[in-house]
Amino acid sequence: MRQRRTDLALEAKELWEESARQTARLEGVAAFTETREGFLTETVEILDERGEKALGKPAGRYVTLTMDGLARREEGAFPRAARAVGGELARLMDGVPDRGLALVVGLGNRAITPDAIGPKVHEHTLVTRHLVEQIPEHFGAFRPVASLSAGVLGATGMESGELAQAVCRRLKPACVVAVDALASRSLKRLCRTVQLSDTGIAPGSGVGNHRWALDRASLGVPVLAVGVPTVVDASTLAADLLGQEELPPLGEGRDLLVTPKDIDSQVDDLAKVIGYGISLALQPGLDVADLDLLLS
């Protein structure tokens, strides 16, 4: 039986709980809920091999921010969302040197809107490496940040992971922040949630085209991942809507992905939130108003 498809650790935990016997206990996993800047924050920590096997994800910390207020365009939602992303990312970066170069890698295909989160994020990320080196009298207090829009294999002839690895060898960053689109099991989480983790990322997750992973093992430095679910697998969605445990046979439609009709505006909004959030985490002395000025 094919499993419901999701890239969110929170949903993997929910699926395990739905399929497990009532007396079963999820071993090797810890979970807790908080709020940050008024947004629901749900954390899943995979502690050991038991948790990895149960949820099908590598050990580490996964934080899911739910941003319904942003989708409704509530007053003040954008700066709160950016600060929430920045705060959780800064927490995940605990132990990473706070002065070394940070490399932001946007993964995905700009030509495919649901997969364009990564390429668009770098447009809203404050890059400072060149400024720190060339104008130290004004930018010497900033952390050096470089940003890379890696493209896709079909357009560049290079795996995103190969390109990121080559850049890491040249620049020797203290950490990498990788951004990509993800897949959810639920319509209610599409473009409503942001997942952050300290485990790295596999490019192409959101469009079902898993490639070379970007993680500490492949790049040699800590890799923080930021992802937004922009698609739902059609068979997974059908099973949820029908209330079935098994995925229905969809024939030729088994490879379909479903995405919101206003995906273009939602991707633009979330790319800006994530870009600002990353910049706030890397430059803790700045606020949203400062970024508005510096990125305008």
Protein backbone atom coordinates (compact mmCIF):
# COMPACT_ATOMS: atom_id res chain seq x y z
CA MET A 1 0.00 0.00 0.00
CA ARG A 2 1.36 3.41 -0.96
CA GLN A 3 1.67 5.86 1.89
CA ARG A 4 0.21 9.34 1.99
CA ARG A 5 2.86 11.73 0.82
CA THR A 6 4.12 14.55 3.01
CA ASP A 7 7.38 16.38 3.61
CA LEU A 8 6.25 17.78 6.97
CA ALA A 9 7.47 16.00 10.10
CA LEU A 10 4.35 17.17 11.93
CA GLU A 11 2.12 15.45 9.38
CA ALA A 12 4.28 12.31 9.42
CA LYS A 13 3.67 12.17 13.18
CA GLU A 14 -0.06 12.65 12.65
CA LEU A 15 -0.16 9.86 10.07
CA TRP A 16 1.67 7.50 12.43
CA GLU A 17 -0.80 8.29 15.21
CA GLU A 18 -3.76 7.75 12.90
CA SER A 19 -2.49 4.35 11.78
CA ALA A 20 -1.20 3.10 15.14
CA ARG A 21 -3.17 1.07 17.63
CA GLN A 22 -4.56 3.07 20.53
CA THR A 23 -2.18 1.36 22.96
CA ALA A 24 0.89 2.00 20.78
CA ARG A 25 3.36 4.67 21.80
CA LEU A 26 5.51 6.66 19.40
CA GLU A 27 9.03 5.95 20.64
CA GLY A 28 12.01 8.15 19.86
CA VAL A 29 9.94 11.26 19.18
CA ALA A 30 9.15 14.27 21.36
CA ALA A 31 6.66 17.00 20.49
CA PHE A 32 5.46 20.25 22.02
CA THR A 33 3.46 23.34 21.06
CA GLU A 34 4.18 27.03 21.65
CA THR A 35 3.27 30.39 20.16
CA ARG A 36 5.65 32.92 18.64
CA GLU A 37 4.53 36.38 17.55
CA GLY A 38 0.95 35.12 17.86
CA PHE A 39 1.46 32.18 15.49
CA LEU A 40 1.05 28.53 16.45
CA THR A 41 4.46 26.83 16.62
CA GLU A 42 4.59 23.02 16.69
CA THR A 43 7.92 21.27 17.24
CA VAL A 44 8.71 17.61 16.52
CA GLU A 45 12.06 16.27 17.68
CA ILE A 46 13.20 12.94 16.23
CA LEU A 47 15.56 11.65 18.87
CA ASP A 48 16.93 8.34 17.63
CA GLU A 49 16.61 5.49 15.14
CA ARG A 50 13.19 4.49 16.47
CA GLY A 51 11.84 7.92 15.61
CA GLU A 52 13.57 7.93 12.24
CA LYS A 53 11.98 4.58 11.35
CA ALA A 54 8.52 5.60 12.57
CA LEU A 55 8.37 8.94 10.74
CA GLY A 56 10.71 8.23 7.83
CA LYS A 57 12.82 11.32 8.44
CA PRO A 58 16.34 11.91 9.78
CA ALA A 59 16.87 12.69 13.45
CA GLY A 60 16.70 16.36 14.28
CA ARG A 61 14.39 19.20 15.20
CA TYR A 62 11.46 20.19 12.97
CA VAL A 63 9.48 23.36 13.69
CA THR A 64 6.20 24.13 11.91
CA LEU A 65 4.83 27.69 12.01
CA THR A 66 1.17 28.13 11.08
CA MET A 67 0.56 31.56 9.54
CA ASP A 68 -3.16 31.83 8.87
CA GLY A 69 -3.10 35.52 9.77
CA LEU A 70 -0.62 36.16 6.97
CA ALA A 71 -2.87 34.46 4.43
CA ARG A 72 -5.78 36.62 5.61
CA ARG A 73 -3.53 39.68 5.33
CA GLU A 74 -4.25 40.76 8.88
CA GLU A 75 -2.78 44.09 9.91
CA GLY A 76 0.80 43.64 11.14
CA ALA A 77 0.91 39.99 10.05
CA PHE A 78 3.91 40.37 7.75
CA PRO A 79 6.41 41.77 10.29
CA ARG A 80 5.18 39.29 12.91
CA ALA A 81 5.60 36.41 10.44
CA ALA A 82 9.12 37.54 9.48
CA ARG A 83 10.11 37.85 13.15
CA ALA A 84 8.61 34.42 13.90
CA VAL A 85 10.60 32.75 11.11
CA GLY A 86 13.73 34.62 12.16
CA GLY A 87 13.31 33.71 15.81
CA GLU A 88 12.83 29.99 15.18
CA LEU A 89 15.71 29.91 12.70
CA ALA A 90 17.98 31.66 15.20
CA ARG A 91 17.05 29.04 17.78
CA LEU A 92 17.96 26.24 15.36
CA MET A 93 21.29 27.97 14.71
CA ASP A 94 22.29 27.74 18.36
CA GLY A 95 25.89 26.51 18.36
CA VAL A 96 26.65 27.80 14.84
CA PRO A 97 29.40 30.48 14.85
CA ASP A 98 27.66 33.85 14.83
CA ARG A 99 30.30 35.73 12.81
CA GLY A 100 31.19 33.34 10.00
CA LEU A 101 29.86 33.53 6.46
CA ALA A 102 26.31 32.25 5.96
CA LEU A 103 25.32 30.90 2.55
CA VAL A 104 21.63 31.00 1.61
CA VAL A 105 20.74 28.51 -1.15
CA GLY A 106 17.40 28.91 -2.93
CA LEU A 107 16.36 25.60 -4.49
CA GLY A 108 13.74 25.07 -7.18
CA ASN A 109 12.58 26.09 -10.61
CA ARG A 110 11.56 29.70 -11.15
CA ALA A 111 9.57 28.66 -14.24
CA ILE A 112 7.24 26.44 -12.17
CA THR A 113 5.34 28.67 -9.75
CA PRO A 114 4.80 26.16 -6.90
CA ASP A 115 8.52 25.37 -7.05
CA ALA A 116 9.68 29.00 -7.16
CA ILE A 117 9.90 29.67 -3.40
CA GLY A 118 13.66 29.07 -3.29
CA PRO A 119 14.65 31.19 -6.31
CA LYS A 120 12.46 34.07 -5.12
CA VAL A 121 13.75 34.06 -1.54
CA HIS A 122 17.18 35.36 -2.49
CA GLU A 123 15.54 38.51 -3.91
CA HIS A 124 14.47 39.36 -0.34
CA THR A 125 17.63 38.26 1.48
CA LEU A 126 20.13 40.85 2.63
CA VAL A 127 23.48 39.83 1.11
CA THR A 128 26.47 41.49 2.74
CA ARG A 129 29.62 39.50 1.92
CA HIS A 130 30.80 41.99 -0.69
CA LEU A 131 29.89 44.97 1.50
CA VAL A 132 31.71 43.63 4.55
CA GLU A 133 34.83 43.05 2.44
CA GLN A 134 34.74 46.25 0.38
CA ILE A 135 33.23 48.84 2.75
CA PRO A 136 34.18 47.62 6.24
CA GLU A 137 33.90 51.11 7.74
CA HIS A 138 30.12 50.99 7.15
CA PHE A 139 29.33 47.26 7.12
CA GLY A 140 32.04 45.73 9.28
CA ALA A 141 29.53 44.96 12.04
CA PHE A 142 27.33 42.92 9.69
CA ARG A 143 27.57 39.18 9.33
CA PRO A 144 28.79 38.25 5.83
CA VAL A 145 25.97 36.61 3.86
CA ALA A 146 26.02 35.22 0.33
CA SER A 147 22.99 34.00 -1.61
CA LEU A 148 22.76 31.43 -4.39
CA SER A 149 19.81 30.60 -6.64
CA ALA A 150 20.90 27.12 -7.65
CA GLY A 151 18.55 26.44 -10.56
CA VAL A 152 17.59 22.92 -11.65
CA LEU A 153 19.39 20.09 -13.41
CA GLY A 154 17.34 20.44 -16.61
CA ALA A 155 18.31 24.09 -17.00
CA THR A 156 21.92 24.10 -15.75
CA GLY A 157 23.16 20.55 -16.35
CA MET A 158 24.28 20.50 -12.72
CA GLU A 159 22.65 19.07 -9.62
CA SER A 160 21.78 21.76 -7.09
CA GLY A 161 23.79 19.80 -4.55
CA GLU A 162 26.85 19.77 -6.81
CA LEU A 163 26.68 23.52 -7.27
CA ALA A 164 26.16 24.17 -3.54
CA GLN A 165 29.04 21.82 -2.71
CA ALA A 166 31.37 23.64 -5.10
CA VAL A 167 30.42 27.03 -3.66
CA CYS A 168 30.93 25.72 -0.12
CA ARG A 169 34.42 24.50 -1.01
CA ARG A 170 35.27 27.96 -2.37
CA LEU A 171 33.63 30.19 0.24
CA LYS A 172 33.93 27.92 3.29
CA PRO A 173 30.73 29.14 5.00
CA ALA A 174 30.02 28.60 8.69
CA CYS A 175 26.52 27.38 7.80
CA VAL A 176 24.08 26.96 4.93
CA VAL A 177 20.39 27.88 4.92
CA ALA A 178 18.56 25.95 2.18
CA VAL A 179 15.07 26.95 1.05
CA ASP A 180 12.74 24.77 -1.03
CA ALA A 181 9.11 23.93 -1.77
CA LEU A 182 7.51 20.99 0.03
CA ALA A 183 4.48 18.74 -0.30
CA SER A 184 1.74 18.52 2.32
CA ARG A 185 -0.96 15.93 2.93
CA SER A 186 -3.56 18.59 3.67
CA LEU A 187 -5.05 21.54 1.81
CA LYS A 188 -5.27 23.52 5.04
CA ARG A 189 -1.47 23.68 5.28
CA LEU A 190 -0.75 24.72 1.70
CA CYS A 191 0.99 28.11 1.75
CA ARG A 192 -0.14 28.45 5.38
CA THR A 193 2.83 26.85 7.11
CA VAL A 194 6.60 27.11 7.15
CA GLN A 195 8.76 24.18 8.30
CA LEU A 196 12.26 24.83 9.64
CA SER A 197 14.70 22.09 10.56
CA ASP A 198 18.34 21.46 11.40
CA THR A 199 18.56 18.33 9.24
CA GLY A 200 19.21 19.73 5.77
CA ILE A 201 16.96 19.26 2.77
CA ALA A 202 16.46 17.19 -0.40
CA PRO A 203 15.90 19.47 -3.43
CA GLY A 204 12.73 18.78 -5.41
CA SER A 205 10.67 17.52 -2.48
CA GLY A 206 7.68 19.68 -3.34
CA VAL A 207 7.40 18.50 -6.94
CA GLY A 208 8.22 14.83 -6.35
CA ASN A 209 11.70 14.98 -7.82
CA HIS A 210 14.07 14.22 -4.96
CA ARG A 211 17.69 14.99 -5.79
CA TRP A 212 21.05 15.12 -4.10
CA ALA A 213 20.52 16.04 -0.44
CA LEU A 214 22.02 19.19 1.05
CA ASP A 215 23.07 18.34 4.60
CA ARG A 216 26.09 18.32 6.87
CA ALA A 217 27.31 15.05 5.36
CA SER A 218 27.33 16.42 1.79
CA LEU A 219 28.42 20.03 2.47
CA GLY A 220 30.58 19.63 5.56
CA VAL A 221 28.84 22.41 7.53
CA PRO A 222 25.56 22.73 9.46
CA VAL A 223 22.61 22.99 7.06
CA LEU A 224 19.38 24.62 8.19
CA ALA A 225 16.31 23.97 6.03
CA VAL A 226 13.31 26.20 5.44
CA GLY A 227 10.41 24.83 3.44
CA VAL A 228 6.88 25.81 2.45
CA PRO A 229 4.27 23.25 1.35
CA THR A 230 2.90 24.44 -1.97
CA VAL A 231 1.40 21.22 -3.38
CA VAL A 232 -0.66 18.22 -2.30
CA ASP A 233 -0.36 14.85 -4.01
CA ALA A 234 -3.72 14.19 -5.72
CA SER A 235 -4.16 10.65 -4.41
CA THR A 236 -3.27 11.77 -0.87
CA LEU A 237 -5.83 14.56 -1.12
CA ALA A 238 -8.48 12.18 -2.47
CA ALA A 239 -7.90 9.76 0.40
CA ASP A 240 -8.24 12.54 2.97
CA LEU A 241 -11.41 13.94 1.38
CA LEU A 242 -12.96 10.46 1.18
CA GLY A 243 -11.88 9.52 4.70
CA GLN A 244 -10.05 6.42 3.45
CA GLU A 245 -6.86 4.92 4.85
CA GLU A 246 -5.74 3.51 1.51
CA LEU A 247 -4.90 5.75 -1.41
CA PRO A 248 -7.52 5.45 -4.18
CA PRO A 249 -6.36 4.27 -7.62
CA LEU A 250 -6.34 7.34 -9.84
CA GLY A 251 -4.98 5.72 -12.98
CA GLU A 252 -3.36 8.35 -15.17
CA GLY A 253 -3.98 10.93 -12.43
CA ARG A 254 -1.78 9.21 -9.86
CA ASP A 255 1.08 11.65 -10.51
CA LEU A 256 -1.02 14.81 -10.33
CA LEU A 257 -0.17 17.57 -7.85
CA VAL A 258 -2.75 20.06 -6.59
CA THR A 259 -1.88 23.69 -5.80
CA PRO A 260 -3.94 26.80 -4.91
CA LYS A 261 -5.31 28.94 -7.76
CA ASP A 262 -3.60 32.04 -6.32
CA ILE A 263 -0.26 30.25 -5.92
CA ASP A 264 1.65 33.07 -7.65
CA SER A 265 0.73 35.74 -5.08
CA GLN A 266 1.13 33.33 -2.17
CA VAL A 267 4.61 32.29 -3.29
CA ASP A 268 5.58 35.95 -3.62
CA ASP A 269 4.31 36.72 -0.10
CA LEU A 270 5.97 33.73 1.53
CA ALA A 271 9.27 34.22 -0.29
CA LYS A 272 9.44 37.72 1.16
CA VAL A 273 8.54 36.50 4.66
CA ILE A 274 11.23 33.83 4.52
CA GLY A 275 13.86 36.15 3.03
CA TYR A 276 13.23 38.71 5.75
CA GLY A 277 13.14 36.01 8.42
CA ILE A 278 16.49 34.60 7.32
CA SER A 279 17.98 38.10 7.30
CA LEU A 280 16.67 38.81 10.80
CA ALA A 281 18.17 35.56 12.09
CA LEU A 282 21.56 36.28 10.49
CA GLN A 283 21.62 39.99 11.38
CA PRO A 284 20.04 40.15 14.87
CA GLY A 285 20.79 43.86 15.18
CA LEU A 286 18.29 44.70 12.41
CA ASP A 287 14.51 44.90 12.39
CA VAL A 288 11.90 44.71 9.62
CA ALA A 289 12.00 48.47 9.02
CA ASP A 290 15.78 48.30 8.55
CA LEU A 291 15.36 45.53 5.97
CA ASP A 292 12.71 47.53 4.13
CA LEU A 293 15.24 50.33 3.78
CA LEU A 294 18.24 48.16 2.88
CA LEU A 295 16.40 45.96 0.38
CA SER A 296 14.40 48.70 -1.35
